[in-house]
C-alpha atoms as a PDB file:
ATOM      1  CA  UNK A   1      75.096  82.997 -13.182  1.00  0.00           C
ATOM      2  CA  UNK A   2      77.315  85.144 -15.384  1.00  0.00           C
ATOM      3  CA  UNK A   3      76.515  88.667 -16.488  1.00  0.00           C
ATOM      4  CA  UNK A   4      75.775  89.118 -20.175  1.00  0.00           C
ATOM      5  CA  UNK A   5      77.778  91.830 -21.976  1.00  0.00           C
ATOM      6  CA  UNK A   6      75.665  94.675 -23.303  1.00  0.00           C
ATOM      7  CA  UNK A   7      76.392  96.864 -26.304  1.00  0.00           C
ATOM      8  CA  UNK A   8      75.709 100.612 -26.163  1.00  0.00           C
ATOM      9  CA  UNK A   9      75.371 102.298 -29.568  1.00  0.00           C
ATOM     10  CA  UNK A  10      75.058 106.066 -29.985  1.00  0.00           C
ATOM     11  CA  UNK A  11      72.265 107.175 -32.305  1.00  0.00           C
ATOM     12  CA  UNK A  12      72.965 109.463 -35.265  1.00  0.00           C
ATOM     13  CA  UNK A  13      72.143 113.139 -34.835  1.00  0.00           C
ATOM     14  CA  UNK A  14      72.312 116.384 -36.791  1.00  0.00           C
ATOM     15  CA  UNK A  15      72.195 120.086 -36.021  1.00  0.00           C
ATOM     16  CA  UNK A  16      71.954 123.419 -37.761  1.00  0.00           C
ATOM     17  CA  UNK A  17      75.204 125.411 -37.929  1.00  0.00           C
ATOM     18  CA  UNK A  18      75.431 127.774 -34.946  1.00  0.00           C
ATOM     19  CA  UNK A  19      72.744 125.954 -32.965  1.00  0.00           C
ATOM     20  CA  UNK A  20      73.421 124.118 -29.745  1.00  0.00           C
ATOM     21  CA  UNK A  21      74.072 120.407 -29.749  1.00  0.00           C
ATOM     22  CA  UNK A  22      70.998 118.180 -29.753  1.00  0.00           C
ATOM     23  CA  UNK A  23      70.274 115.773 -26.916  1.00  0.00           C
ATOM     24  CA  UNK A  24      72.140 112.608 -27.810  1.00  0.00           C
ATOM     25  CA  UNK A  25      70.471 109.228 -27.448  1.00  0.00           C
ATOM     26  CA  UNK A  26      71.643 105.636 -27.511  1.00  0.00           C
ATOM     27  CA  UNK A  27      70.365 102.095 -27.780  1.00  0.00           C
ATOM     28  CA  UNK A  28      71.378  99.096 -25.697  1.00  0.00           C
ATOM     29  CA  UNK A  29      71.444  95.510 -26.975  1.00  0.00           C
ATOM     30  CA  UNK A  30      72.453  92.113 -25.655  1.00  0.00           C
ATOM     31  CA  UNK A  31      69.761  91.454 -23.090  1.00  0.00           C
ATOM     32  CA  UNK A  32      68.955  87.792 -22.385  1.00  0.00           C
ATOM     33  CA  UNK A  33      66.336  85.781 -20.514  1.00  0.00           C
ATOM     34  CA  UNK A  34      63.645  88.445 -20.872  1.00  0.00           C
ATOM     35  CA  UNK A  35      65.765  91.210 -19.342  1.00  0.00           C
ATOM     36  CA  UNK A  36      65.413  94.778 -20.614  1.00  0.00           C
ATOM     37  CA  UNK A  37      66.744  98.238 -19.856  1.00  0.00           C
ATOM     38  CA  UNK A  38      63.983  98.609 -17.249  1.00  0.00           C
ATOM     39  CA  UNK A  39      64.810  95.356 -15.445  1.00  0.00           C
ATOM     40  CA  UNK A  40      68.566  94.953 -15.830  1.00  0.00           C
ATOM     41  CA  UNK A  41      70.222  98.380 -16.004  1.00  0.00           C
ATOM     42  CA  UNK A  42      70.949 101.011 -13.404  1.00  0.00           C
ATOM     43  CA  UNK A  43      72.517 104.319 -14.347  1.00  0.00           C
ATOM     44  CA  UNK A  44      72.982 105.633 -17.863  1.00  0.00           C
ATOM     45  CA  UNK A  45      75.579 105.578 -20.596  1.00  0.00           C
ATOM     46  CA  UNK A  46      77.390 108.776 -21.523  1.00  0.00           C
ATOM     47  CA  UNK A  47      77.143 110.060 -25.095  1.00  0.00           C
ATOM     48  CA  UNK A  48      79.151 112.924 -26.505  1.00  0.00           C
ATOM     49  CA  UNK A  49      81.051 114.465 -29.389  1.00  0.00           C
ATOM     50  CA  UNK A  50      83.948 116.819 -29.976  1.00  0.00           C
ATOM     51  CA  UNK A  51      81.680 119.153 -31.972  1.00  0.00           C
ATOM     52  CA  UNK A  52      80.151 122.275 -30.436  1.00  0.00           C
ATOM     53  CA  UNK A  53      77.900 125.094 -31.632  1.00  0.00           C
ATOM     54  CA  UNK A  54      80.831 126.847 -33.351  1.00  0.00           C
ATOM     55  CA  UNK A  55      82.210 123.751 -35.114  1.00  0.00           C
ATOM     56  CA  UNK A  56      82.450 124.016 -38.896  1.00  0.00           C
ATOM     57  CA  UNK A  57      80.093 122.005 -41.063  1.00  0.00           C
ATOM     58  CA  UNK A  58      81.272 118.421 -41.237  1.00  0.00           C
ATOM     59  CA  UNK A  59      80.931 114.940 -39.877  1.00  0.00           C
ATOM     60  CA  UNK A  60      81.739 114.295 -36.210  1.00  0.00           C
ATOM     61  CA  UNK A  61      81.729 111.048 -34.298  1.00  0.00           C
ATOM     62  CA  UNK A  62      79.187 110.547 -31.538  1.00  0.00           C
ATOM     63  CA  UNK A  63      80.743 108.269 -28.948  1.00  0.00           C
ATOM     64  CA  UNK A  64      78.997 106.254 -26.252  1.00  0.00           C
ATOM     65  CA  UNK A  65      80.776 105.380 -23.017  1.00  0.00           C
ATOM     66  CA  UNK A  66      79.949 103.604 -19.756  1.00  0.00           C
ATOM     67  CA  UNK A  67      78.803 106.747 -17.952  1.00  0.00           C
ATOM     68  CA  UNK A  68      77.208 105.619 -14.660  1.00  0.00           C
ATOM     69  CA  UNK A  69      76.302 102.110 -15.827  1.00  0.00           C
END
């Protein structure tokens, strides 16, 4: 049996200028044969951005990575 590749996609987020960063979330897709996050995944993806509380108003990428998956 071969492993099925999964896709991790960071969710959009926003914050008020000067406030701390929100908790970032992500979604996983690509499960097969009735598998789900609960049955097929151990660990968690990492999600982050280059923005911080002092960043000027603008658009910043939120990037998902393998984390401890």
